[in-house]
N, C-alpha and C. Protein backbone atom coordinates (compact mmCIF):
# COMPACT_ATOMS: atom_id res chain seq x y z
N MET A 1 19.58 -5.21 62.35
CA MET A 1 19.60 -3.90 61.53
C MET A 1 20.50 -4.23 60.05
N ILE A 2 21.33 -5.38 60.24
CA ILE A 2 21.91 -5.95 59.21
C ILE A 2 20.27 -6.27 57.91
N ASN A 3 19.77 -7.28 58.81
CA ASN A 3 18.81 -8.36 58.07
C ASN A 3 18.21 -7.34 57.62
N MET A 4 17.89 -6.25 58.35
CA MET A 4 16.70 -4.97 57.52
C MET A 4 17.67 -4.66 56.69
N LEU A 5 18.93 -3.94 56.74
CA LEU A 5 19.43 -3.43 55.09
C LEU A 5 19.41 -4.27 53.53
N LYS A 6 19.34 -5.85 54.51
CA LYS A 6 19.20 -6.98 53.37
C LYS A 6 17.96 -6.75 52.85
N LYS A 7 17.25 -7.45 53.46
CA LYS A 7 15.94 -7.07 52.87
C LYS A 7 15.64 -5.81 51.82
N THR A 8 15.92 -4.82 52.80
CA THR A 8 15.77 -3.47 51.84
C THR A 8 16.01 -4.03 50.66
N ILE A 9 17.60 -4.49 50.64
CA ILE A 9 18.37 -4.47 49.12
C ILE A 9 17.29 -5.47 47.93
N ILE A 10 16.79 -6.45 48.62
CA ILE A 10 16.15 -6.93 48.15
C ILE A 10 14.97 -6.85 47.36
N ILE A 11 14.57 -5.98 48.09
CA ILE A 11 13.20 -5.63 48.10
C ILE A 11 13.58 -4.59 46.44
N ILE A 12 14.99 -3.75 46.29
CA ILE A 12 14.60 -2.49 45.76
C ILE A 12 15.44 -3.58 44.29
N ILE A 13 16.15 -4.42 44.50
CA ILE A 13 17.02 -4.70 43.37
C ILE A 13 15.59 -5.72 41.77
N SER A 14 14.23 -6.23 43.51
CA SER A 14 13.39 -7.31 42.68
C SER A 14 12.42 -5.64 42.09
N PHE A 15 12.60 -4.78 42.25
CA PHE A 15 11.77 -3.44 41.47
C PHE A 15 12.06 -3.84 40.27
N PHE A 16 13.42 -4.33 39.86
CA PHE A 16 14.27 -4.38 38.57
C PHE A 16 14.21 -5.35 38.01
N TYR A 17 14.28 -6.08 39.16
CA TYR A 17 14.57 -7.80 37.98
C TYR A 17 13.62 -8.19 37.75
N PHE A 18 12.01 -8.34 38.91
CA PHE A 18 11.00 -8.87 37.63
C PHE A 18 10.33 -8.54 36.85
N PRO A 19 10.31 -6.91 36.56
CA PRO A 19 9.92 -6.05 35.67
C PRO A 19 10.65 -6.35 33.94
N ALA A 20 11.98 -6.78 34.55
CA ALA A 20 12.58 -7.00 33.32
C ALA A 20 12.09 -8.71 32.78
N ILE A 21 12.10 -9.85 33.96
CA ILE A 21 11.52 -10.99 33.34
C ILE A 21 10.38 -11.10 32.91
N SER A 22 9.40 -9.91 33.12
CA SER A 22 8.09 -9.46 32.88
C SER A 22 7.85 -9.28 31.40
N GLN A 23 8.73 -8.19 31.31
CA GLN A 23 8.95 -7.81 29.86
C GLN A 23 9.03 -9.25 28.33
N ASN A 24 10.39 -9.42 29.55
CA ASN A 24 10.84 -11.16 28.54
C ASN A 24 9.74 -11.88 28.25
N VAL A 25 8.72 -12.22 28.65
CA VAL A 25 7.60 -13.37 29.12
C VAL A 25 6.52 -12.38 27.96
N LYS A 26 6.57 -11.55 28.45
CA LYS A 26 5.44 -10.57 27.33
C LYS A 26 6.20 -10.21 25.82
N GLN A 27 7.75 -10.29 25.92
CA GLN A 27 8.09 -10.29 24.52
C GLN A 27 8.06 -12.09 23.57
N ASP A 28 7.93 -12.82 24.13
CA ASP A 28 7.88 -14.46 23.82
C ASP A 28 6.66 -14.61 23.19
N SER A 29 5.15 -13.99 24.07
CA SER A 29 4.18 -13.96 23.72
C SER A 29 3.90 -13.43 22.80
N CYS A 30 4.79 -12.48 21.17
CA CYS A 30 4.56 -12.00 20.37
C CYS A 30 5.49 -12.52 19.68
N GLN A 31 6.09 -13.86 19.82
CA GLN A 31 7.33 -14.60 18.81
C GLN A 31 6.31 -16.04 18.74
N LEU A 32 7.44 -16.49 17.30
CA LEU A 32 7.06 -17.68 16.90
C LEU A 32 8.06 -18.89 17.23
N PHE A 33 8.28 -19.79 17.66
CA PHE A 33 9.46 -20.96 17.08
C PHE A 33 9.28 -22.15 16.96
N PHE A 34 9.27 -21.89 15.49
CA PHE A 34 9.44 -22.70 14.62
C PHE A 34 11.08 -23.27 13.97
N LYS A 35 11.99 -22.43 14.52
CA LYS A 35 13.59 -22.83 14.29
C LYS A 35 13.83 -24.35 14.35
N GLU A 36 13.20 -24.80 15.75
CA GLU A 36 13.65 -26.51 15.54
C GLU A 36 12.83 -27.11 14.57
N ILE A 37 12.13 -27.12 14.08
CA ILE A 37 11.75 -27.73 12.72
C ILE A 37 12.45 -27.16 11.99
N GLY A 38 13.05 -25.80 11.12
CA GLY A 38 13.54 -25.47 9.85
C GLY A 38 13.26 -24.95 9.70
N ILE A 39 12.47 -23.67 10.51
CA ILE A 39 11.80 -22.86 10.04
C ILE A 39 12.37 -21.54 10.32
N ARG A 40 12.55 -20.50 9.43
CA ARG A 40 13.10 -19.04 10.32
C ARG A 40 12.72 -18.26 10.79
N ASP A 41 12.58 -18.52 12.23
CA ASP A 41 11.66 -16.88 13.26
C ASP A 41 12.50 -15.84 12.97
N PHE A 42 11.75 -14.55 12.51
CA PHE A 42 11.97 -13.49 12.48
C PHE A 42 11.18 -12.80 14.13
N VAL A 43 12.00 -12.00 14.34
CA VAL A 43 11.49 -11.13 15.16
C VAL A 43 10.69 -9.72 15.69
N LEU A 44 9.22 -9.55 15.56
CA LEU A 44 8.80 -8.79 16.04
C LEU A 44 9.20 -7.55 16.29
N GLY A 45 9.19 -6.47 15.55
CA GLY A 45 10.15 -4.96 16.17
C GLY A 45 11.49 -4.89 15.41
N SER A 46 12.26 -5.74 15.21
CA SER A 46 13.35 -6.13 14.33
C SER A 46 13.31 -4.78 13.86
N ASN A 47 14.85 -4.41 13.47
CA ASN A 47 15.02 -3.22 12.15
C ASN A 47 15.39 -3.56 11.16
N TYR A 48 14.97 -2.96 9.63
CA TYR A 48 15.26 -3.25 8.49
C TYR A 48 16.27 -3.64 8.56
N LYS A 49 16.90 -2.36 8.54
CA LYS A 49 18.92 -2.49 8.58
C LYS A 49 19.58 -4.07 8.81
N ASP A 50 18.48 -4.52 10.05
CA ASP A 50 19.37 -5.75 10.40
C ASP A 50 19.03 -6.49 9.71
N PHE A 51 17.89 -6.56 9.21
CA PHE A 51 16.86 -7.69 8.33
C PHE A 51 18.08 -7.54 6.61
N LEU A 52 18.65 -6.17 6.33
CA LEU A 52 19.59 -6.06 4.81
C LEU A 52 20.54 -6.83 5.35
N LYS A 53 21.66 -6.78 6.61
CA LYS A 53 22.21 -6.74 6.93
C LYS A 53 23.00 -9.03 6.89
N ASP A 54 21.69 -9.04 7.68
CA ASP A 54 21.68 -10.71 7.84
C ASP A 54 21.00 -11.37 5.75
N SER A 55 20.70 -10.56 5.54
CA SER A 55 20.43 -10.84 3.74
C SER A 55 21.62 -10.90 2.71
N LYS A 56 22.57 -9.51 3.47
CA LYS A 56 23.52 -9.55 2.93
C LYS A 56 24.73 -10.72 3.07
N ALA A 57 24.86 -11.12 4.29
CA ALA A 57 25.46 -12.48 5.01
C ALA A 57 24.70 -13.49 4.62
N LEU A 58 23.73 -13.71 3.96
CA LEU A 58 23.42 -15.12 3.70
C LEU A 58 23.54 -15.19 1.88
N LYS A 59 23.51 -13.72 1.40
CA LYS A 59 23.29 -13.56 0.34
C LYS A 59 22.14 -13.58 -0.56
N ARG A 60 20.92 -13.38 0.24
CA ARG A 60 19.70 -13.47 0.13
C ARG A 60 19.23 -12.54 -1.05
N LYS A 61 18.38 -12.73 -1.98
CA LYS A 61 17.63 -12.10 -3.01
C LYS A 61 16.00 -11.87 -2.88
N PHE A 62 16.33 -10.88 -2.28
CA PHE A 62 14.60 -10.36 -1.80
C PHE A 62 13.76 -9.12 -3.04
N LYS A 63 12.69 -9.69 -2.91
CA LYS A 63 11.74 -7.92 -3.42
C LYS A 63 11.03 -7.31 -2.47
N LYS A 64 10.83 -6.17 -2.79
CA LYS A 64 10.66 -5.25 -1.98
C LYS A 64 10.04 -4.59 -2.13
N GLU A 65 8.05 -3.92 -1.57
CA GLU A 65 7.29 -3.07 -2.56
C GLU A 65 6.73 -2.13 -1.31
N LYS A 66 6.40 -0.96 -1.77
CA LYS A 66 5.91 -0.39 -0.76
C LYS A 66 4.46 0.37 -1.41
N ILE A 67 3.91 -0.63 -0.24
CA ILE A 67 2.35 -0.01 -0.86
C ILE A 67 1.79 0.34 0.94
N TYR A 68 0.85 1.27 0.56
CA TYR A 68 0.23 2.01 1.53
C TYR A 68 1.23 2.33 3.22
N GLY A 69 2.06 2.53 2.62
CA GLY A 69 3.58 2.80 3.83
C GLY A 69 3.62 1.92 4.44
N ILE A 70 3.69 0.98 3.76
CA ILE A 70 4.01 -0.66 4.48
C ILE A 70 4.93 -1.21 2.83
N ASP A 71 6.38 -1.84 4.13
CA ASP A 71 7.37 -2.06 2.73
C ASP A 71 6.46 -3.51 3.28
N ILE A 72 6.96 -4.65 2.08
CA ILE A 72 6.73 -6.41 1.97
C ILE A 72 7.78 -6.53 1.17
N VAL A 73 7.90 -7.06 1.74
CA VAL A 73 9.40 -8.34 1.55
C VAL A 73 9.18 -9.64 1.16
N THR A 74 9.45 -9.55 0.09
CA THR A 74 9.37 -11.47 0.05
C THR A 74 10.50 -11.92 -0.35
N PHE A 75 10.38 -13.19 -0.06
CA PHE A 75 11.67 -13.70 -0.42
C PHE A 75 11.55 -15.42 -0.49
N LYS A 76 12.34 -16.13 -0.89
CA LYS A 76 12.01 -18.06 -1.01
C LYS A 76 13.47 -18.33 -0.62
N GLU A 77 13.57 -19.37 0.26
CA GLU A 77 14.45 -20.08 1.07
C GLU A 77 14.28 -21.31 0.74
N ASN A 78 15.65 -22.25 0.33
CA ASN A 78 15.27 -23.96 0.47
C ASN A 78 15.37 -23.99 2.00
N ILE A 79 14.98 -25.47 2.72
CA ILE A 79 15.11 -25.55 3.63
C ILE A 79 15.32 -26.97 4.02
N ILE A 80 15.93 -27.45 5.22
CA ILE A 80 15.46 -28.92 5.34
C ILE A 80 14.28 -29.17 6.51
N LEU A 81 13.16 -29.89 6.03
CA LEU A 81 12.13 -29.91 7.31
C LEU A 81 11.33 -31.25 7.01
N LEU A 82 12.34 -32.13 8.33
CA LEU A 82 11.83 -33.03 8.46
C LEU A 82 12.52 -34.11 7.73
N LYS A 83 13.80 -34.11 7.71
CA LYS A 83 15.16 -34.24 6.88
C LYS A 83 14.48 -34.17 5.62
N GLU A 84 13.89 -33.53 4.86
CA GLU A 84 13.36 -33.12 3.70
C GLU A 84 13.17 -32.11 3.47
N ARG A 85 14.47 -31.77 1.52
CA ARG A 85 14.02 -30.52 1.21
C ARG A 85 12.72 -29.79 0.87
N ARG A 86 13.19 -28.51 1.26
CA ARG A 86 11.63 -28.13 0.68
C ARG A 86 12.03 -26.29 0.45
N LYS A 87 11.09 -25.72 -0.21
CA LYS A 87 11.32 -24.56 -0.04
C LYS A 87 9.89 -23.97 0.25
N ILE A 88 9.82 -22.59 1.04
CA ILE A 88 9.38 -22.02 2.41
C ILE A 88 9.61 -20.44 1.42
N MET A 89 8.19 -19.82 1.19
CA MET A 89 8.06 -18.64 0.64
C MET A 89 7.56 -17.56 2.18
N PHE A 90 8.86 -16.52 2.39
CA PHE A 90 8.38 -15.55 3.67
C PHE A 90 7.60 -14.28 2.35
N ASN A 91 6.82 -13.63 3.66
CA ASN A 91 6.11 -12.48 3.85
C ASN A 91 6.87 -11.35 4.95
N LEU A 92 7.60 -10.81 4.96
CA LEU A 92 8.21 -9.59 5.66
C LEU A 92 7.50 -8.28 5.54
N LYS A 93 6.31 -7.44 6.55
CA LYS A 93 5.61 -6.27 6.63
C LYS A 93 6.27 -5.57 7.74
N PHE A 94 7.12 -4.49 7.01
CA PHE A 94 7.83 -3.41 7.83
C PHE A 94 6.89 -2.13 7.81
N LYS A 95 7.08 -1.22 8.76
CA LYS A 95 6.27 -0.32 9.02
C LYS A 95 7.29 0.90 9.46
N GLN A 96 7.47 1.62 8.60
CA GLN A 96 8.86 2.81 9.31
C GLN A 96 9.82 2.01 9.52
N ASN A 97 10.54 1.30 8.94
CA ASN A 97 11.68 -0.19 9.13
C ASN A 97 12.23 -0.83 10.11
N ILE A 98 10.43 -0.90 10.85
CA ILE A 98 10.42 -1.74 12.24
C ILE A 98 9.31 -3.32 12.00
N LEU A 99 9.82 -4.12 11.25
CA LEU A 99 8.70 -5.31 11.54
C LEU A 99 7.78 -5.95 11.94
N MET A 100 6.61 -6.05 11.49
CA MET A 100 5.09 -5.17 12.39
C MET A 100 4.49 -6.68 12.23
N ALA A 101 5.30 -7.41 10.98
CA ALA A 101 4.00 -8.99 10.61
C ALA A 101 5.03 -9.64 9.44
N TYR A 102 5.41 -11.45 9.99
CA TYR A 102 5.89 -11.73 8.64
C TYR A 102 4.82 -12.94 8.55
N ASP A 103 4.42 -13.80 7.64
CA ASP A 103 4.21 -14.94 7.32
C ASP A 103 5.12 -15.59 6.56
N PHE A 104 4.44 -17.50 6.16
CA PHE A 104 5.15 -18.08 5.49
C PHE A 104 4.65 -19.12 5.07
N GLU A 105 4.79 -19.50 3.99
CA GLU A 105 4.18 -20.72 3.69
C GLU A 105 5.14 -21.70 2.40
N ILE A 106 4.44 -22.87 2.71
CA ILE A 106 5.97 -24.03 2.48
C ILE A 106 4.50 -24.63 1.77
N ASN A 107 4.39 -25.78 0.46
CA ASN A 107 4.01 -26.51 -0.33
C ASN A 107 4.50 -27.76 0.43
N ILE A 108 3.96 -28.59 0.93
CA ILE A 108 3.83 -29.90 1.77
C ILE A 108 3.50 -31.08 1.27
N GLY A 109 2.78 -31.08 -0.26
CA GLY A 109 2.52 -32.52 -0.74
C GLY A 109 1.26 -32.57 -1.40
N ASN A 110 0.64 -33.77 -1.81
CA ASN A 110 -0.85 -33.16 -2.70
C ASN A 110 -1.65 -34.12 -1.16
N PHE A 111 -3.07 -33.50 -1.41
CA PHE A 111 -3.54 -34.45 -0.22
C PHE A 111 -4.04 -35.39 0.08
N ARG A 112 -2.91 -36.54 -0.74
CA ARG A 112 -2.59 -37.67 0.07
C ARG A 112 -1.80 -37.86 1.29
N THR A 113 -0.86 -36.93 0.83
CA THR A 113 0.61 -37.41 2.04
C THR A 113 0.62 -35.93 2.59
N ALA A 114 0.07 -34.77 2.35
CA ALA A 114 0.11 -33.23 2.90
C ALA A 114 -0.31 -33.85 4.78
N PRO A 115 -1.64 -33.99 5.42
CA PRO A 115 -2.24 -34.66 6.11
C PRO A 115 -0.99 -35.56 7.08
N ASP A 116 -0.74 -36.70 6.41
CA ASP A 116 0.88 -37.36 7.45
C ASP A 116 1.98 -36.48 7.52
N PHE A 117 2.59 -35.72 6.72
CA PHE A 117 3.38 -34.56 6.93
C PHE A 117 3.57 -33.61 7.77
N TYR A 118 1.96 -33.41 7.84
CA TYR A 118 2.00 -32.29 9.05
C TYR A 118 1.57 -32.92 10.24
N ASN A 119 1.05 -34.20 10.60
CA ASN A 119 1.13 -34.60 12.11
C ASN A 119 2.46 -34.86 12.30
N ARG A 120 3.29 -34.84 11.30
CA ARG A 120 5.05 -35.50 12.04
C ARG A 120 5.37 -33.77 12.47
N ILE A 121 4.91 -33.05 11.53
CA ILE A 121 5.49 -31.67 11.90
C ILE A 121 5.05 -30.99 13.59
N LEU A 122 3.51 -31.36 13.89
CA LEU A 122 2.52 -31.58 14.58
C LEU A 122 3.74 -32.12 16.11
N LYS A 123 3.83 -32.90 15.78
CA LYS A 123 4.94 -34.02 16.74
C LYS A 123 6.22 -32.86 16.93
N SER A 124 6.41 -32.98 16.18
CA SER A 124 7.89 -32.10 16.63
C SER A 124 8.28 -30.99 17.09
N LEU A 125 7.14 -30.02 17.02
CA LEU A 125 7.42 -28.95 17.60
C LEU A 125 7.29 -28.90 19.14
N ASN A 126 7.97 -27.47 19.77
CA ASN A 126 7.56 -27.26 21.11
C ASN A 126 6.57 -27.07 21.42
N LYS A 127 5.57 -27.86 21.87
CA LYS A 127 3.80 -26.69 22.34
C LYS A 127 4.57 -26.27 23.51
N SER A 128 5.39 -26.20 24.66
CA SER A 128 5.05 -25.18 24.94
C SER A 128 5.73 -23.93 24.93
N LYS A 129 6.78 -23.67 23.81
CA LYS A 129 6.91 -22.82 23.09
C LYS A 129 5.49 -22.22 22.42
N ASN A 130 5.67 -22.91 21.77
CA ASN A 130 3.98 -22.60 20.54
C ASN A 130 2.99 -23.17 21.22
N TYR A 131 2.38 -22.18 22.47
CA TYR A 131 1.33 -22.74 23.44
C TYR A 131 0.10 -22.90 22.61
N PHE A 132 0.21 -21.81 21.67
CA PHE A 132 -1.78 -22.16 20.96
C PHE A 132 -1.58 -22.92 19.77
N ILE A 133 -0.88 -24.16 19.47
CA ILE A 133 -0.74 -24.79 19.23
C ILE A 133 -0.88 -26.19 19.68
N GLN A 134 -2.07 -26.64 20.33
CA GLN A 134 -2.76 -27.49 21.20
C GLN A 134 -3.38 -28.56 20.82
N GLY A 135 -3.37 -29.93 20.60
CA GLY A 135 -4.73 -30.67 20.02
C GLY A 135 -4.20 -30.82 18.40
N LYS A 136 -5.30 -31.58 18.32
CA LYS A 136 -5.27 -31.77 16.66
C LYS A 136 -6.12 -31.46 15.78
N SER A 137 -5.52 -30.08 14.84
CA SER A 137 -6.31 -29.58 14.42
C SER A 137 -5.33 -29.36 12.86
N HIS A 138 -5.97 -28.68 11.79
CA HIS A 138 -5.36 -27.90 10.45
C HIS A 138 -5.17 -26.77 10.90
N SER A 139 -5.93 -26.14 11.59
CA SER A 139 -5.75 -24.70 12.34
C SER A 139 -5.49 -24.31 13.31
N TYR A 140 -4.56 -23.64 13.64
CA TYR A 140 -4.63 -23.24 15.01
C TYR A 140 -4.11 -21.46 14.49
N MET A 141 -5.04 -20.82 15.70
CA MET A 141 -4.92 -19.63 15.75
C MET A 141 -5.25 -18.86 17.50
N THR A 142 -4.21 -17.67 17.62
CA THR A 142 -4.40 -17.04 18.88
C THR A 142 -3.88 -15.48 18.90
N VAL A 143 -5.01 -14.64 19.50
CA VAL A 143 -5.09 -13.32 19.63
C VAL A 143 -4.96 -13.00 20.77
N SER A 144 -4.49 -11.71 21.04
CA SER A 144 -4.04 -11.04 22.19
C SER A 144 -3.64 -9.74 21.80
N GLU A 145 -4.12 -9.41 23.09
CA GLU A 145 -3.67 -7.48 23.05
C GLU A 145 -2.50 -7.20 21.91
N LYS A 146 -1.62 -7.99 21.87
CA LYS A 146 -0.42 -7.31 21.53
C LYS A 146 0.07 -7.42 19.93
N CYS A 147 -0.87 -9.33 19.69
CA CYS A 147 -0.17 -9.59 18.66
C CYS A 147 -1.31 -10.95 18.35
N SER A 148 -1.40 -11.35 16.86
CA SER A 148 -2.25 -12.87 16.65
C SER A 148 -0.64 -12.99 16.15
N LYS A 149 -1.42 -14.76 16.21
CA LYS A 149 -0.48 -15.92 15.38
C LYS A 149 -0.99 -17.00 14.62
N ASN A 150 -0.84 -17.41 14.02
CA ASN A 150 -1.57 -18.85 13.59
C ASN A 150 -0.35 -19.73 12.93
N PHE A 151 -1.00 -20.94 12.41
CA PHE A 151 -0.41 -22.08 12.19
C PHE A 151 -1.58 -22.45 11.47
N GLY A 152 -1.00 -23.29 10.36
CA GLY A 152 -2.18 -24.53 10.03
C GLY A 152 -1.66 -25.24 8.82
N LEU A 153 -2.44 -26.49 7.87
CA LEU A 153 -2.94 -26.33 6.55
C LEU A 153 -3.43 -26.08 6.07
N ASN A 154 -3.23 -26.09 5.01
CA ASN A 154 -4.55 -25.24 3.99
C ASN A 154 -4.27 -26.43 2.59
N THR A 155 -5.35 -27.09 2.26
CA THR A 155 -5.21 -28.37 1.08
C THR A 155 -6.00 -27.42 -0.06
N GLU A 156 -4.92 -27.59 -1.10
CA GLU A 156 -6.44 -27.04 -2.42
C GLU A 156 -5.81 -28.45 -3.30
N LYS A 157 -6.20 -28.22 -4.23
CA LYS A 157 -7.15 -28.87 -5.28
C LYS A 157 -5.61 -29.91 -5.68
N ASP A 158 -4.32 -29.17 -6.16
CA ASP A 158 -3.28 -29.96 -6.85
C ASP A 158 -2.03 -29.58 -5.60
N ALA A 159 -2.49 -28.97 -4.15
CA ALA A 159 -1.17 -28.74 -3.75
C ALA A 159 -1.49 -28.44 -2.66
N SER A 160 -0.97 -29.01 -1.13
CA SER A 160 -0.91 -28.43 -0.09
C SER A 160 -0.27 -27.73 0.60
N PHE A 161 -0.36 -26.85 1.52
CA PHE A 161 0.60 -26.02 2.30
C PHE A 161 0.48 -25.73 3.26
N LEU A 162 1.95 -25.74 4.18
CA LEU A 162 1.59 -25.08 5.31
C LEU A 162 2.37 -23.48 5.84
N TYR A 163 1.59 -23.24 6.38
CA TYR A 163 1.38 -21.85 6.61
C TYR A 163 1.75 -21.06 8.18
N GLY A 164 2.26 -20.66 8.60
CA GLY A 164 2.15 -19.19 9.58
C GLY A 164 2.52 -18.15 9.52
N GLY A 165 1.98 -17.70 10.41
CA GLY A 165 2.65 -16.11 10.40
C GLY A 165 2.00 -15.66 12.28
N ILE A 166 2.68 -14.37 12.25
CA ILE A 166 2.53 -13.75 13.61
C ILE A 166 2.78 -12.01 12.63
N SER A 167 1.68 -10.60 13.72
CA SER A 167 1.30 -9.94 13.40
C SER A 167 0.93 -8.68 14.87
N TYR A 168 1.28 -7.42 14.93
CA TYR A 168 1.67 -6.77 15.90
C TYR A 168 -0.59 -6.48 15.43
N GLU A 169 -1.21 -5.99 16.91
CA GLU A 169 -2.80 -5.98 16.97
C GLU A 169 -2.18 -4.76 16.82
N SER A 170 -2.64 -3.65 16.06
CA SER A 170 -2.88 -2.24 15.83
C SER A 170 -3.47 -1.85 14.85
N PRO A 171 -4.85 -0.64 15.54
CA PRO A 171 -6.24 -0.50 14.37
C PRO A 171 -5.17 -0.25 13.45
N ILE A 172 -4.33 1.25 12.96
CA ILE A 172 -3.90 1.63 12.08
C ILE A 172 -3.23 0.70 11.16
N TRP A 173 -1.99 0.32 11.96
CA TRP A 173 -1.87 -0.97 11.08
C TRP A 173 -2.67 -2.31 10.08
N GLU A 174 -3.67 -2.44 11.30
CA GLU A 174 -4.82 -3.52 10.53
C GLU A 174 -5.37 -2.38 9.04
N GLN A 175 -5.93 -1.31 9.47
CA GLN A 175 -6.17 -0.82 8.36
C GLN A 175 -5.63 -0.47 7.22
N GLN A 176 -4.39 -0.28 6.88
CA GLN A 176 -3.44 -0.67 6.07
C GLN A 176 -3.18 -1.60 5.56
N PHE A 177 -3.37 -2.73 5.88
CA PHE A 177 -2.88 -4.00 5.71
C PHE A 177 -4.62 -4.03 4.85
N LYS A 178 -5.75 -3.95 5.76
CA LYS A 178 -6.86 -3.98 4.98
C LYS A 178 -7.04 -2.87 3.37
N ASP A 179 -6.86 -2.28 3.69
CA ASP A 179 -6.54 -1.60 2.57
C ASP A 179 -5.74 -2.11 1.33
N TYR A 180 -3.86 -2.93 1.36
CA TYR A 180 -3.69 -3.35 0.58
C TYR A 180 -3.85 -4.41 0.72
N ILE A 181 -4.73 -5.39 1.05
CA ILE A 181 -5.46 -6.51 0.53
C ILE A 181 -6.67 -6.50 -0.15
N GLU A 182 -7.54 -5.49 -0.14
CA GLU A 182 -8.37 -4.86 -1.34
C GLU A 182 -8.31 -4.42 -2.34
N GLU A 183 -7.05 -3.83 -2.29
CA GLU A 183 -5.66 -2.85 -3.63
C GLU A 183 -5.53 -4.58 -4.26
N ILE A 184 -5.32 -5.46 -3.38
CA ILE A 184 -4.73 -6.87 -4.63
C ILE A 184 -5.68 -7.48 -4.91
N GLU A 185 -7.05 -7.65 -4.42
CA GLU A 185 -7.70 -8.45 -4.81
C GLU A 185 -8.74 -7.27 -5.94
N GLN A 186 -8.62 -6.16 -6.03
CA GLN A 186 -9.52 -5.57 -6.98
C GLN A 186 -8.52 -6.10 -8.25
N LYS A 187 -6.67 -5.89 -7.96
CA LYS A 187 -6.49 -6.29 -9.46
C LYS A 187 -6.38 -7.27 -9.81
N GLN A 188 -7.06 -8.27 -9.29
CA GLN A 188 -7.05 -9.82 -9.69
C GLN A 188 -8.35 -10.37 -10.92
């Protein structure tokens, strides 16, 4: 009788415990893990008020503009990336005060020095957490039902940039973002 009661309790607990673990795995699958190399991680689904609180505490200055119902917040930070001082540009996109996407870009040098620096970054990343970054490539991307992630090296004539980002996958969100991009392209 006591054994039966123990089994019943274990089964009941497992109904609550295993979904919590599963939820954490799902949440982590829509998250970047670049803090270990010096790049700030933001959590999709976080609130704009929390971002404001952090910004006040860090005395962060940022620019906010509203386009097609999307609040776009841009700011720069100085970071230490592989023991070198760098400036990073962040773009955060909020919809109804919820973080829906963010991306970053860092100038990492010219076309001669940037590939070596980029390869050192790849070696420094925890590939088990950033599972979509495998092998040796200059561009990585993964798309799931919930989000898309990207990370890579963009080499231009005058400079090379490390970039990355994450975004929820949503037809409404994607259409608003496409409209925003089209408007920017028309202004240029």
